Amino acid sequence: MKRNISNSGISRGLTAKRSNRLFIAGLTALAVVALSATSCRPQSDDLLSYGQNDVQAYYDANSSFAGEFKAFWTAMNENYGIWDFEESFGTDWDEVYRTYLPKFEALDDTLKHKEKVTNKELLALYKQITDTLHDGHMTLRVKNLHTGTYITLTPHIDRVARERGTRQTEESQNATTLDKYQTPDVPAAYRALVYDATGSDDIVIDYLDSTVHRVNRAAKAYIAKVDDAGGPDETNDAVYASVQALKAATDSMMNFFLMPRSTLSAFVTIMRPLFNDLCTKYALTSQQIGEPMLPIEDMLAEDMVKTIRFALFEGNIAYLRLGGCGLTGHMHPVHKQKAIPGSMYESYHLAVERVWHHWFDTIQTLHKANNLGGVIIDMRNNGGGYVLDYQYLLGALLPSGGWNSHRLRVKNGIGRLDFGPITPFTVQTYEAEHEVINDRPIVVLSNTNSMSMAENTTYGVQAQPNGCFIGTRTFGGLSALNPDPEAYSETYSGAFGVNGVTPIYGYIPKYVCLYPNKNGEYKPVEGYGFEPDIECPLDVNLWQTQGRDNQLEKALDYIKEN
């Protein structure tokens, strides 16, 4: 990539011939100086690459806390894409260096005296530095050179938790399941006429629940049979002991299923590895009692969609809720994930397609008949995902051919404010023939936990003449990611270091997203997010006592009134 290098004063006013002679002589002199300078220290004057495991770039960082800080500071200085934005908040990155370098040098003195540098101490120091930064995606991993372990910093999560208090937790723990809206317990105006849903968490919970109970029953039956026959003997003693252990393990796991289903979802990430460990440890034992246990597939547990729900409400209002922006993996012909025939994931994969098509096809049918009331896209507590998901959400309601959503800016050199040209960013819209919904209200529901691609979808709805955003301010993590170190030299951004290899690793945006403000200027909104058109905090008491969702009901009322 070309870089602008200023050579002011070197050849000004000279003839070309004289300039060339001076240039050659200058190169010779520089070579002598370079040889003498680099022979006395471990680093050369070459341009170092912090975007990979560059030996010179991380030389001091492997043995010195001060060297580690210098590598971190320089990598951020060269790669972080919103220093102009940070400066508007008063951040002085040079002052950070002057202030904190002595503190890390003090840690080196601690090491020399063989005193312990704790992870807590190191974490606190880096938090002081990063807490003021506004990027909504950045994750840092720093090696404690004393213990050999890594600390992890997520300034964006810490900032939102600090600034928004209990709202973030309340919104994440009280997400509607629509269960109540299929019963007579709510007013008829809010009832779901049609409901269709699937979720990887739901499938995992159902499988765990049924399998654990089946295995537990079989273990009890085997133990009772042996006991009735006079107890274990030399032929079945080992099996009996293993079955007892399996029963005890499943007894413990069954306690999970005493919790409400809405609460169980939060424990899936804990339950799955526990269950898979049981499958491995007791593979033979479970077969011996006639109830073999199959581990839960990684593809199912790691799928980004998590949950997808369609409902058709009174007034022909088509509602879609998405737990994560992972539809591309199920819908796009190029990116479609290959599921093993007969696997749990294949069943889920087909169900995701079915639910999305139920929503989309319902909109097509109703709009063609001039009977569509409006559309609700629910992105609450959605952590983001594929940019290509745009075509299956708002893009499924817009004309084919793409939509110019916002603008992008990339780093274009190692200078703190070296940026490439600002370019328009066109999101992909649905290419197959479909109805364009520009004459009915489109509402997006989002909240503090709506992040990244969920926020871009929120902005997209808000930017439409017939769009409205109801809920609370979004998270504030808008910029695009691509942490591939091989792409580092293209934009000097995306990531620095190698996770778990270099003593410093940073996961930072590759492309900074810019959105128009009230004056028509394109600016970042990192760390802040988007404000709703209609502010409507979740009524936690209504949800917890009646299972009702005031934000959803507000959206339904808005569409009927407009």
Protein backbone atom coordinates (compact mmCIF):
# COMPACT_ATOMS: atom_id res chain seq x y z
CA MET A 1 0.00 0.00 0.00
CA LYS A 2 1.32 3.45 -0.93
CA ARG A 3 2.17 5.79 1.88
CA ASN A 4 2.71 9.54 1.62
CA ILE A 5 6.24 10.28 2.78
CA SER A 6 7.29 13.89 3.13
CA ASN A 7 10.83 14.70 1.93
CA SER A 8 10.51 18.47 2.23
CA GLY A 9 13.77 20.40 1.85
CA ILE A 10 15.94 17.55 0.50
CA SER A 11 15.74 18.25 -3.23
CA ARG A 12 14.05 21.61 -3.25
CA GLY A 13 15.78 23.95 -5.76
CA LEU A 14 18.29 21.31 -7.00
CA THR A 15 18.74 20.06 -10.54
CA ALA A 16 17.72 16.45 -11.12
CA LYS A 17 21.33 15.37 -11.74
CA ARG A 18 22.69 16.98 -8.61
CA SER A 19 19.74 15.64 -6.65
CA ASN A 20 20.53 12.06 -7.74
CA ARG A 21 24.20 12.38 -6.68
CA LEU A 22 23.20 13.68 -3.28
CA PHE A 23 20.56 10.95 -2.94
CA ILE A 24 23.10 8.14 -3.61
CA ALA A 25 25.62 9.68 -1.21
CA GLY A 26 22.86 10.03 1.37
CA LEU A 27 21.93 6.35 1.06
CA THR A 28 25.56 5.33 1.66
CA ALA A 29 25.78 7.47 4.76
CA LEU A 30 22.45 6.18 6.06
CA ALA A 31 23.58 2.57 5.56
CA VAL A 32 26.69 3.16 7.70
CA VAL A 33 24.63 4.82 10.44
CA ALA A 34 22.03 2.06 10.34
CA LEU A 35 24.65 -0.67 10.67
CA SER A 36 26.30 0.97 13.65
CA ALA A 37 22.95 1.76 15.30
CA THR A 38 21.30 -1.64 14.96
CA SER A 39 24.34 -3.68 15.94
CA CYS A 40 24.10 -2.47 19.54
CA ARG A 41 20.40 -3.23 20.26
CA PRO A 42 17.91 -6.06 19.65
CA GLN A 43 15.50 -4.00 17.53
CA SER A 44 16.22 -2.56 14.09
CA ASP A 45 14.83 0.63 12.61
CA ASP A 46 12.62 -1.33 10.22
CA LEU A 47 8.87 -0.75 10.31
CA LEU A 48 7.57 -3.29 12.82
CA SER A 49 4.35 -5.20 12.34
CA TYR A 50 2.21 -5.48 15.44
CA GLY A 51 -0.43 -7.25 13.37
CA GLN A 52 1.28 -10.63 13.70
CA ASN A 53 3.81 -12.45 15.85
CA ASP A 54 6.68 -10.14 14.86
CA VAL A 55 9.77 -11.09 16.89
CA GLN A 56 11.14 -7.55 16.95
CA ALA A 57 7.81 -5.91 17.73
CA TYR A 58 7.26 -8.09 20.81
CA TYR A 59 10.91 -8.61 21.81
CA ASP A 60 10.85 -6.60 25.07
CA ALA A 61 7.22 -7.46 25.76
CA ASN A 62 8.18 -11.07 26.49
CA SER A 63 10.36 -10.19 29.47
CA SER A 64 9.34 -6.75 30.75
CA PHE A 65 6.06 -5.23 31.89
CA ALA A 66 7.29 -1.87 30.61
CA GLY A 67 8.16 -3.49 27.26
CA GLU A 68 4.73 -5.08 27.20
CA PHE A 69 3.07 -1.70 27.83
CA LYS A 70 5.18 -0.08 25.09
CA ALA A 71 4.09 -2.75 22.61
CA PHE A 72 0.45 -2.27 23.63
CA TRP A 73 0.67 1.53 23.44
CA THR A 74 2.37 1.51 20.03
CA ALA A 75 0.05 -1.13 18.57
CA MET A 76 -2.98 0.87 19.69
CA ASN A 77 -1.38 4.09 18.45
CA GLU A 78 -0.89 2.60 14.97
CA ASN A 79 -4.00 0.44 14.65
CA TYR A 80 -6.90 1.92 16.62
CA GLY A 81 -9.22 3.63 14.15
CA ILE A 82 -11.04 6.29 16.18
CA TRP A 83 -8.35 8.44 17.81
CA ASP A 84 -10.00 11.59 16.44
CA PHE A 85 -13.23 10.50 18.13
CA GLU A 86 -11.41 9.75 21.41
CA GLU A 87 -9.68 13.15 21.29
CA SER A 88 -13.11 14.81 21.19
CA PHE A 89 -13.67 13.28 24.64
CA GLY A 90 -10.35 14.64 25.89
CA THR A 91 -8.21 11.49 25.55
CA ASP A 92 -4.49 12.31 25.19
CA TRP A 93 -2.76 9.08 24.16
CA ASP A 94 0.70 10.65 24.52
CA GLU A 95 -0.11 11.62 28.09
CA VAL A 96 -1.19 8.03 28.74
CA TYR A 97 2.32 6.93 27.77
CA ARG A 98 4.00 9.50 30.01
CA THR A 99 1.73 8.71 32.96
CA TYR A 100 1.71 4.92 32.86
CA LEU A 101 5.17 3.92 31.66
CA PRO A 102 6.68 4.61 35.14
CA LYS A 103 3.94 2.47 36.70
CA PHE A 104 4.88 -0.51 34.51
CA GLU A 105 8.57 0.10 35.13
CA ALA A 106 7.72 -0.18 38.82
CA LEU A 107 6.23 -3.62 38.11
CA ASP A 108 9.56 -4.63 36.57
CA ASP A 109 11.29 -3.52 39.78
CA THR A 110 8.84 -5.72 41.67
CA LEU A 111 9.87 -8.68 39.53
CA LYS A 112 13.55 -7.99 40.12
CA HIS A 113 12.94 -8.25 43.86
CA LYS A 114 11.06 -11.52 43.25
CA GLU A 115 7.83 -10.06 44.59
CA LYS A 116 4.52 -11.25 43.18
CA VAL A 117 2.66 -9.27 40.48
CA THR A 118 -0.95 -10.44 40.70
CA ASN A 119 -3.44 -10.66 37.86
CA LYS A 120 -5.72 -8.36 39.83
CA GLU A 121 -2.98 -5.71 40.04
CA LEU A 122 -2.17 -5.95 36.33
CA LEU A 123 -5.85 -5.89 35.36
CA ALA A 124 -6.51 -2.79 37.46
CA LEU A 125 -3.66 -0.92 35.79
CA TYR A 126 -4.78 -1.69 32.24
CA LYS A 127 -8.39 -0.91 33.14
CA GLN A 128 -7.34 2.58 34.17
CA ILE A 129 -5.98 3.05 30.66
CA THR A 130 -8.79 1.46 28.65
CA ASP A 131 -11.84 2.55 30.66
CA THR A 132 -11.96 5.89 28.83
CA LEU A 133 -11.97 4.32 25.34
CA HIS A 134 -15.23 4.12 23.42
CA ASP A 135 -14.87 1.29 20.93
CA GLY A 136 -17.82 -1.04 21.33
CA HIS A 137 -16.06 -4.28 20.38
CA MET A 138 -12.51 -4.12 21.66
CA THR A 139 -11.14 -7.06 23.62
CA LEU A 140 -7.58 -7.15 24.99
CA ARG A 141 -5.54 -10.05 26.36
CA VAL A 142 -2.38 -9.27 28.32
CA LYS A 143 0.06 -11.84 29.68
CA ASN A 144 1.11 -11.61 33.31
CA LEU A 145 4.83 -12.20 32.88
CA HIS A 146 5.09 -13.32 36.50
CA THR A 147 2.37 -16.00 36.47
CA GLY A 148 2.32 -16.84 32.75
CA THR A 149 -1.48 -16.45 32.66
CA TYR A 150 -3.49 -13.97 30.61
CA ILE A 151 -5.89 -11.29 31.80
CA THR A 152 -8.78 -10.25 29.57
CA LEU A 153 -10.20 -6.76 29.25
CA THR A 154 -13.57 -5.90 27.68
CA PRO A 155 -13.80 -2.13 28.16
CA HIS A 156 -17.03 -1.86 26.15
CA ILE A 157 -18.92 -4.25 28.44
CA ASP A 158 -17.52 -2.64 31.57
CA ARG A 159 -18.46 0.84 30.32
CA VAL A 160 -22.07 -0.02 29.49
CA ALA A 161 -22.53 -1.80 32.82
CA ARG A 162 -21.04 1.20 34.61
CA GLU A 163 -23.05 3.83 32.75
CA ARG A 164 -26.44 2.15 32.52
CA GLY A 165 -26.58 0.35 35.84
CA THR A 166 -29.35 -2.16 36.49
CA ARG A 167 -31.12 -1.53 33.16
CA GLN A 168 -28.70 -3.75 31.26
CA THR A 169 -29.23 -6.68 33.63
CA GLU A 170 -32.99 -6.22 33.84
CA GLU A 171 -33.39 -6.13 30.09
CA SER A 172 -31.27 -9.23 29.55
CA GLN A 173 -33.03 -11.28 32.23
CA ASN A 174 -36.60 -10.38 31.27
CA ALA A 175 -36.88 -11.09 27.55
CA THR A 176 -40.34 -12.00 26.33
CA THR A 177 -40.93 -15.55 25.16
CA LEU A 178 -44.40 -14.67 23.72
CA ASP A 179 -45.82 -17.50 25.82
CA LYS A 180 -48.37 -15.21 27.47
CA TYR A 181 -49.54 -13.79 24.15
CA GLN A 182 -50.98 -17.12 23.08
CA THR A 183 -53.41 -17.24 26.02
CA PRO A 184 -56.63 -15.43 27.02
CA ASP A 185 -54.71 -13.85 29.94
CA VAL A 186 -53.89 -10.79 27.82
CA PRO A 187 -56.26 -8.40 26.03
CA ALA A 188 -57.41 -9.67 22.63
CA ALA A 189 -55.65 -6.75 20.89
CA TYR A 190 -52.28 -8.23 21.90
CA ARG A 191 -52.87 -11.93 21.28
CA ALA A 192 -50.78 -13.87 18.77
CA LEU A 193 -53.04 -15.38 16.12
CA VAL A 194 -50.20 -17.53 14.75
CA TYR A 195 -46.98 -18.57 16.48
CA ASP A 196 -43.96 -20.48 15.18
CA ALA A 197 -40.57 -20.73 16.87
CA THR A 198 -37.39 -22.68 17.30
CA GLY A 199 -34.17 -22.19 19.20
CA SER A 200 -30.90 -24.01 19.69
CA ASP A 201 -31.18 -23.48 23.44
CA ASP A 202 -34.69 -24.96 23.40
CA ILE A 203 -33.47 -28.04 21.52
CA VAL A 204 -30.52 -28.48 23.89
CA ILE A 205 -32.77 -28.12 26.95
CA ASP A 206 -35.31 -30.62 25.59
CA TYR A 207 -32.57 -33.11 24.72
CA LEU A 208 -30.84 -32.70 28.08
CA ASP A 209 -34.08 -32.95 30.00
CA SER A 210 -35.28 -36.12 28.31
CA THR A 211 -31.86 -37.83 28.13
CA VAL A 212 -30.79 -37.12 31.70
CA HIS A 213 -34.12 -38.35 33.07
CA ARG A 214 -34.07 -41.48 30.87
CA VAL A 215 -30.52 -42.35 31.90
CA ASN A 216 -31.31 -41.68 35.55
CA ARG A 217 -34.34 -43.98 35.44
CA ALA A 218 -32.32 -46.71 33.73
CA ALA A 219 -29.54 -46.36 36.32
CA LYS A 220 -32.03 -46.66 39.17
CA ALA A 221 -33.62 -49.72 37.55
CA TYR A 222 -30.22 -51.40 37.11
CA ILE A 223 -29.22 -50.72 40.73
CA ALA A 224 -32.57 -52.01 42.01
CA LYS A 225 -32.27 -55.16 39.90
CA VAL A 226 -28.78 -55.92 41.24
CA ASP A 227 -29.85 -55.13 44.81
CA ASP A 228 -32.89 -57.44 44.51
CA ALA A 229 -30.58 -60.22 43.32
CA GLY A 230 -28.49 -59.95 46.48
CA GLY A 231 -26.16 -57.10 45.58
CA PRO A 232 -23.13 -56.82 43.30
CA ASP A 233 -20.74 -59.73 42.92
CA GLU A 234 -17.43 -60.26 41.16
CA THR A 235 -19.13 -60.35 37.74
CA ASN A 236 -20.87 -56.98 37.97
CA ASP A 237 -19.13 -55.13 40.79
CA ALA A 238 -17.30 -52.65 38.51
CA VAL A 239 -20.39 -51.97 36.40
CA TYR A 240 -22.53 -51.51 39.54
CA ALA A 241 -20.12 -48.91 40.94
CA SER A 242 -20.01 -47.04 37.64
CA VAL A 243 -23.82 -47.04 37.37
CA GLN A 244 -24.06 -45.65 40.91
CA ALA A 245 -21.70 -42.84 39.95
CA LEU A 246 -23.73 -42.16 36.80
CA LYS A 247 -26.93 -42.03 38.84
CA ALA A 248 -25.37 -39.56 41.27
CA ALA A 249 -24.21 -37.34 38.39
CA THR A 250 -27.63 -37.33 36.71
CA ASP A 251 -29.32 -36.73 40.10
CA SER A 252 -27.27 -33.57 40.39
CA MET A 253 -27.95 -32.46 36.83
CA MET A 254 -31.70 -32.95 37.22
CA ASN A 255 -31.71 -30.08 39.71
CA PHE A 256 -31.25 -27.74 36.75
CA PHE A 257 -34.65 -28.70 35.39
CA LEU A 258 -36.45 -27.55 38.54
CA MET A 259 -35.89 -23.96 37.35
CA PRO A 260 -38.35 -22.12 35.06
CA ARG A 261 -37.62 -22.67 31.38
CA SER A 262 -36.89 -18.99 30.78
CA THR A 263 -34.18 -19.18 33.45
CA LEU A 264 -32.78 -22.46 32.12
CA SER A 265 -31.57 -20.80 28.92
CA ALA A 266 -28.98 -18.88 30.89
CA PHE A 267 -27.49 -22.18 32.11
CA VAL A 268 -27.19 -23.95 28.76
CA THR A 269 -23.55 -22.93 28.37
CA ILE A 270 -22.82 -24.52 31.75
CA MET A 271 -24.94 -27.63 31.29
CA ARG A 272 -23.67 -28.62 27.86
CA PRO A 273 -19.99 -29.22 28.77
CA LEU A 274 -21.06 -31.01 31.95
CA PHE A 275 -23.31 -33.30 29.95
CA ASN A 276 -20.72 -33.91 27.23
CA ASP A 277 -18.19 -34.88 29.90
CA LEU A 278 -20.70 -37.40 31.25
CA CYS A 279 -21.17 -38.80 27.74
CA THR A 280 -17.42 -39.38 27.43
CA LYS A 281 -16.86 -40.69 30.94
CA TYR A 282 -19.85 -43.03 31.01
CA ALA A 283 -20.11 -43.99 27.33
CA LEU A 284 -19.80 -47.73 28.05
CA THR A 285 -21.87 -47.59 31.24
CA SER A 286 -24.83 -45.87 29.55
CA GLN A 287 -24.77 -48.51 26.80
CA GLN A 288 -24.70 -51.28 29.41
CA ILE A 289 -27.92 -49.99 30.96
CA GLY A 290 -29.56 -49.56 27.54
CA GLU A 291 -29.58 -45.75 27.36
CA PRO A 292 -26.57 -44.54 25.33
CA MET A 293 -25.82 -40.82 25.61
CA LEU A 294 -24.77 -38.81 22.57
CA PRO A 295 -22.87 -35.54 23.16
CA ILE A 296 -24.43 -32.26 22.04
CA GLU A 297 -22.94 -31.10 18.75
CA ASP A 298 -20.71 -28.02 18.66
CA MET A 299 -22.57 -26.61 15.65
CA LEU A 300 -25.82 -26.59 17.59
CA ALA A 301 -24.37 -25.05 20.73
CA GLU A 302 -22.37 -22.40 18.86
CA ASP A 303 -25.04 -21.35 16.35
CA MET A 304 -25.49 -17.57 16.39
CA VAL A 305 -29.24 -17.48 15.77
CA LYS A 306 -29.95 -19.01 19.19
CA THR A 307 -33.68 -18.36 18.87
CA ILE A 308 -36.08 -17.28 16.11
CA ARG A 309 -39.75 -16.55 16.72
CA PHE A 310 -42.54 -15.56 14.37
CA ALA A 311 -45.97 -14.37 15.45
CA LEU A 312 -48.89 -12.86 13.62
CA PHE A 313 -50.75 -10.49 15.91
CA GLU A 314 -54.22 -8.98 15.84
CA GLY A 315 -54.42 -6.51 12.96
CA ASN A 316 -52.15 -8.67 10.76
CA ILE A 317 -48.94 -7.41 12.31
CA ALA A 318 -46.06 -9.74 11.42
CA TYR A 319 -43.47 -10.09 14.19
CA LEU A 320 -39.98 -11.65 14.01
CA ARG A 321 -37.57 -12.03 16.91
CA LEU A 322 -33.95 -13.07 16.39
CA GLY A 323 -31.58 -13.97 19.22
CA GLY A 324 -28.44 -13.43 17.10
CA CYS A 325 -27.63 -12.45 13.53
CA GLY A 326 -26.75 -15.91 12.22
CA LEU A 327 -29.40 -16.39 9.54
CA THR A 328 -26.75 -16.30 6.82
CA GLY A 329 -25.42 -19.67 7.97
CA HIS A 330 -28.86 -21.18 7.42
CA MET A 331 -30.22 -19.23 4.46
CA HIS A 332 -27.41 -18.09 2.16
CA PRO A 333 -26.50 -20.70 -0.49
CA VAL A 334 -22.78 -19.91 -0.28
CA HIS A 335 -22.47 -19.72 3.50
CA LYS A 336 -24.98 -22.42 4.35
CA GLN A 337 -23.59 -24.67 7.05
CA LYS A 338 -23.56 -28.35 6.28
CA ALA A 339 -25.44 -30.33 8.86
CA ILE A 340 -24.91 -34.05 9.31
CA PRO A 341 -28.05 -35.88 8.11
CA GLY A 342 -30.11 -37.05 11.06
CA SER A 343 -28.25 -34.86 13.56
CA MET A 344 -29.89 -32.54 16.07
CA TYR A 345 -28.34 -29.62 14.23
CA GLU A 346 -29.96 -30.62 10.95
CA SER A 347 -33.38 -30.58 12.62
CA TYR A 348 -32.67 -27.15 14.05
CA HIS A 349 -31.25 -25.89 10.75
CA LEU A 350 -34.43 -26.85 8.89
CA ALA A 351 -36.59 -25.37 11.63
CA VAL A 352 -34.80 -21.99 11.41
CA GLU A 353 -35.49 -21.88 7.66
CA ARG A 354 -39.12 -22.82 8.26
CA VAL A 355 -39.74 -20.08 10.86
CA TRP A 356 -38.10 -17.36 8.74
CA HIS A 357 -40.10 -18.37 5.66
CA HIS A 358 -43.28 -18.41 7.75
CA TRP A 359 -42.65 -14.73 8.62
CA PHE A 360 -41.52 -13.71 5.13
CA ASP A 361 -44.23 -15.60 3.23
CA THR A 362 -46.94 -14.24 5.55
CA ILE A 363 -45.79 -10.67 4.81
CA GLN A 364 -45.81 -11.39 1.06
CA THR A 365 -49.32 -12.83 1.11
CA LEU A 366 -50.83 -10.14 3.31
CA HIS A 367 -49.21 -7.23 1.49
CA LYS A 368 -50.29 -8.49 -1.94
CA ALA A 369 -53.85 -8.65 -0.59
CA ASN A 370 -53.48 -5.15 0.93
CA ASN A 371 -54.11 -6.66 4.38
CA LEU A 372 -50.74 -6.21 6.09
CA GLY A 373 -50.98 -4.07 9.22
CA GLY A 374 -47.24 -3.62 9.77
CA VAL A 375 -44.01 -5.37 10.70
CA ILE A 376 -42.09 -5.67 13.98
CA ILE A 377 -38.42 -6.76 13.99
CA ASP A 378 -37.33 -7.57 17.54
CA MET A 379 -33.56 -7.20 18.04
CA ARG A 380 -33.55 -6.94 21.83
CA ASN A 381 -30.64 -8.71 23.53
CA ASN A 382 -29.23 -9.60 20.09
CA GLY A 383 -25.43 -9.60 20.17
CA GLY A 384 -24.94 -9.19 16.41
CA GLY A 385 -23.33 -11.43 13.81
CA TYR A 386 -23.21 -11.60 10.01
CA VAL A 387 -23.55 -8.36 8.02
CA LEU A 388 -25.13 -10.47 5.26
CA ASP A 389 -28.08 -11.08 7.61
CA TYR A 390 -29.33 -7.65 6.56
CA GLN A 391 -30.96 -9.18 3.48
CA TYR A 392 -33.11 -11.48 5.63
CA LEU A 393 -34.26 -8.79 8.07
CA LEU A 394 -34.94 -5.20 6.99
CA GLY A 395 -33.48 -6.06 3.57
CA ALA A 396 -36.36 -8.49 3.02
CA LEU A 397 -38.71 -5.48 3.13
CA LEU A 398 -36.66 -3.09 0.95
CA PRO A 399 -36.13 -3.09 -2.84
CA SER A 400 -33.55 -5.48 -4.30
CA GLY A 401 -30.18 -4.10 -5.33
CA GLY A 402 -28.88 -3.03 -1.93
CA TRP A 403 -29.38 0.00 0.32
CA ASN A 404 -26.82 2.70 1.08
CA SER A 405 -26.89 2.40 4.85
CA HIS A 406 -23.95 4.42 6.18
CA ARG A 407 -20.28 5.12 5.49
CA LEU A 408 -17.00 3.39 6.28
CA ARG A 409 -13.53 4.62 7.11
CA VAL A 410 -10.36 2.55 7.42
CA LYS A 411 -6.86 3.16 8.68
CA ASN A 412 -4.39 3.81 5.87
CA GLY A 413 -1.00 3.87 7.57
CA ILE A 414 0.65 3.69 10.95
CA GLY A 415 0.08 7.35 11.83
CA ARG A 416 -2.53 7.89 14.51
CA LEU A 417 -4.78 9.84 12.14
CA ASP A 418 -3.83 8.12 8.88
CA PHE A 419 -7.21 7.31 7.33
CA GLY A 420 -8.29 6.16 3.91
CA PRO A 421 -11.11 7.89 2.04
CA ILE A 422 -14.59 7.67 3.52
CA THR A 423 -16.66 5.33 1.35
CA PRO A 424 -20.41 4.55 1.19
CA PHE A 425 -21.44 1.20 2.63
CA THR A 426 -24.21 -0.59 0.78
CA VAL A 427 -25.94 -3.42 2.63
CA GLN A 428 -27.33 -6.34 0.68
CA THR A 429 -31.10 -6.56 0.31
CA TYR A 430 -33.20 -9.57 -0.66
CA GLU A 431 -32.61 -10.38 -4.33
CA ALA A 432 -35.53 -12.67 -5.10
CA GLU A 433 -38.76 -11.03 -6.19
CA HIS A 434 -40.64 -9.77 -3.15
CA GLU A 435 -43.02 -7.11 -1.86
CA VAL A 436 -41.50 -3.75 -0.88
CA ILE A 437 -42.97 -2.62 2.43
CA ASN A 438 -42.89 1.17 2.17
CA ASP A 439 -46.55 1.87 2.87
CA ARG A 440 -46.92 0.16 6.25
CA PRO A 441 -45.19 0.92 9.57
CA ILE A 442 -42.02 -1.00 10.35
CA VAL A 443 -41.03 -1.00 14.02
CA VAL A 444 -37.76 -2.25 15.46
CA LEU A 445 -37.51 -3.15 19.15
CA SER A 446 -34.00 -2.76 20.58
CA ASN A 447 -32.39 -2.17 23.95
CA THR A 448 -29.13 -1.72 25.82
CA ASN A 449 -28.08 -5.28 24.93
CA SER A 450 -28.68 -4.85 21.19
CA MET A 451 -25.17 -4.84 19.73
CA SER A 452 -23.25 -4.56 16.47
CA MET A 453 -25.28 -5.96 13.54
CA ALA A 454 -28.43 -5.69 15.70
CA GLU A 455 -27.72 -1.98 16.03
CA ASN A 456 -27.10 -1.57 12.30
CA THR A 457 -30.48 -3.19 11.69
CA THR A 458 -32.01 -0.82 14.24
CA TYR A 459 -30.50 2.19 12.49
CA GLY A 460 -31.68 0.87 9.12
CA VAL A 461 -35.29 0.72 10.29
CA GLN A 462 -35.01 4.12 11.96
CA ALA A 463 -33.70 5.66 8.73
CA GLN A 464 -36.75 4.56 6.69
CA PRO A 465 -39.62 7.05 6.19
CA ASN A 466 -42.01 4.42 7.57
CA GLY A 467 -39.64 3.16 10.28
CA CYS A 468 -39.70 3.63 14.04
CA PHE A 469 -37.37 2.50 16.83
CA ILE A 470 -39.08 1.73 20.16
CA GLY A 471 -37.18 0.72 23.30
CA THR A 472 -34.01 2.01 24.92
CA ARG A 473 -30.65 3.25 23.63
CA THR A 474 -28.59 0.54 21.95
CA PHE A 475 -25.23 -0.75 23.18
CA GLY A 476 -22.82 1.30 21.05
CA GLY A 477 -20.66 -1.28 19.27
CA LEU A 478 -21.12 -0.38 15.61
CA SER A 479 -17.85 -0.85 13.79
CA ALA A 480 -17.08 -3.85 11.61
CA LEU A 481 -14.65 -6.63 12.55
CA ASN A 482 -12.14 -8.77 10.72
CA PRO A 483 -9.37 -10.01 13.04
CA ASP A 484 -7.45 -11.93 10.36
CA PRO A 485 -3.78 -10.95 10.90
CA GLU A 486 -3.06 -11.75 7.26
CA ALA A 487 -5.17 -8.74 6.27
CA TYR A 488 -3.33 -6.39 8.65
CA SER A 489 -1.16 -4.67 6.06
CA GLU A 490 -4.21 -3.77 3.97
CA THR A 491 -5.63 -1.39 6.54
CA TYR A 492 -3.35 -1.41 9.62
CA SER A 493 -6.30 -2.48 11.71
CA GLY A 494 -8.50 -5.40 12.71
CA ALA A 495 -6.27 -7.01 15.33
CA PHE A 496 -2.75 -6.88 16.67
CA GLY A 497 -0.73 -9.76 18.02
CA VAL A 498 -1.73 -13.41 18.00
CA ASN A 499 -4.20 -14.56 20.64
CA GLY A 500 -2.51 -16.78 23.21
CA VAL A 501 0.90 -16.46 21.53
CA THR A 502 2.11 -12.88 21.79
CA PRO A 503 2.10 -11.28 25.25
CA ILE A 504 -0.34 -8.64 23.99
CA TYR A 505 -3.37 -9.31 21.79
CA GLY A 506 -5.98 -6.78 20.73
CA TYR A 507 -9.23 -7.45 18.90
CA ILE A 508 -10.29 -4.10 17.43
CA PRO A 509 -12.48 -2.90 14.55
CA LYS A 510 -11.19 -3.07 11.01
CA TYR A 511 -13.73 -0.62 9.61
CA VAL A 512 -15.13 2.37 11.48
CA CYS A 513 -18.81 2.97 10.74
CA LEU A 514 -19.95 6.57 10.37
CA TYR A 515 -23.58 7.72 10.62
CA PRO A 516 -25.17 11.09 9.80
CA ASN A 517 -25.93 13.39 12.72
CA LYS A 518 -28.57 16.14 12.75
CA ASN A 519 -26.24 18.42 10.79
CA GLY A 520 -25.69 15.79 8.10
CA GLU A 521 -22.10 15.13 9.22
CA TYR A 522 -20.95 11.51 9.26
CA LYS A 523 -19.55 10.63 12.70
CA PRO A 524 -18.91 7.51 14.81
CA VAL A 525 -21.42 6.66 17.51
CA GLU A 526 -19.14 4.15 19.22
CA GLY A 527 -19.74 3.73 22.92
CA TYR A 528 -23.05 5.54 22.70
CA GLY A 529 -25.38 3.79 20.26
CA PHE A 530 -28.69 4.90 18.79
CA GLU A 531 -31.45 6.74 20.63
CA PRO A 532 -35.00 5.40 20.17
CA ASP A 533 -37.71 7.41 18.43
CA ILE A 534 -39.99 6.40 21.29
CA GLU A 535 -38.25 5.83 24.63
CA CYS A 536 -39.92 2.89 26.34
CA PRO A 537 -38.02 1.17 29.20
CA LEU A 538 -39.04 -2.38 29.98
CA ASP A 539 -41.66 -2.65 32.74
CA VAL A 540 -39.90 -5.34 34.76
CA ASN A 541 -42.76 -5.69 37.25
CA LEU A 542 -45.31 -6.28 34.47
CA TRP A 543 -43.07 -8.94 32.96
CA GLN A 544 -42.31 -10.70 36.24
CA THR A 545 -45.88 -10.67 37.59
CA GLN A 546 -47.92 -11.16 34.41
CA GLY A 547 -45.48 -12.34 31.75
CA ARG A 548 -46.38 -9.31 29.63
CA ASP A 549 -44.05 -7.15 27.57
CA ASN A 550 -44.89 -3.42 27.57
CA GLN A 551 -42.34 -2.69 24.80
CA LEU A 552 -43.99 -5.19 22.46
CA GLU A 553 -47.44 -3.85 23.33
CA LYS A 554 -46.21 -0.30 22.65
CA ALA A 555 -45.07 -1.41 19.19
CA LEU A 556 -48.42 -3.06 18.45
CA ASP A 557 -50.28 0.08 19.56
CA TYR A 558 -48.01 2.30 17.47
CA ILE A 559 -48.65 0.31 14.29
CA LYS A 560 -52.41 0.32 14.81
CA GLU A 561 -52.36 4.08 15.37
CA ASN A 562 -50.27 4.76 12.27
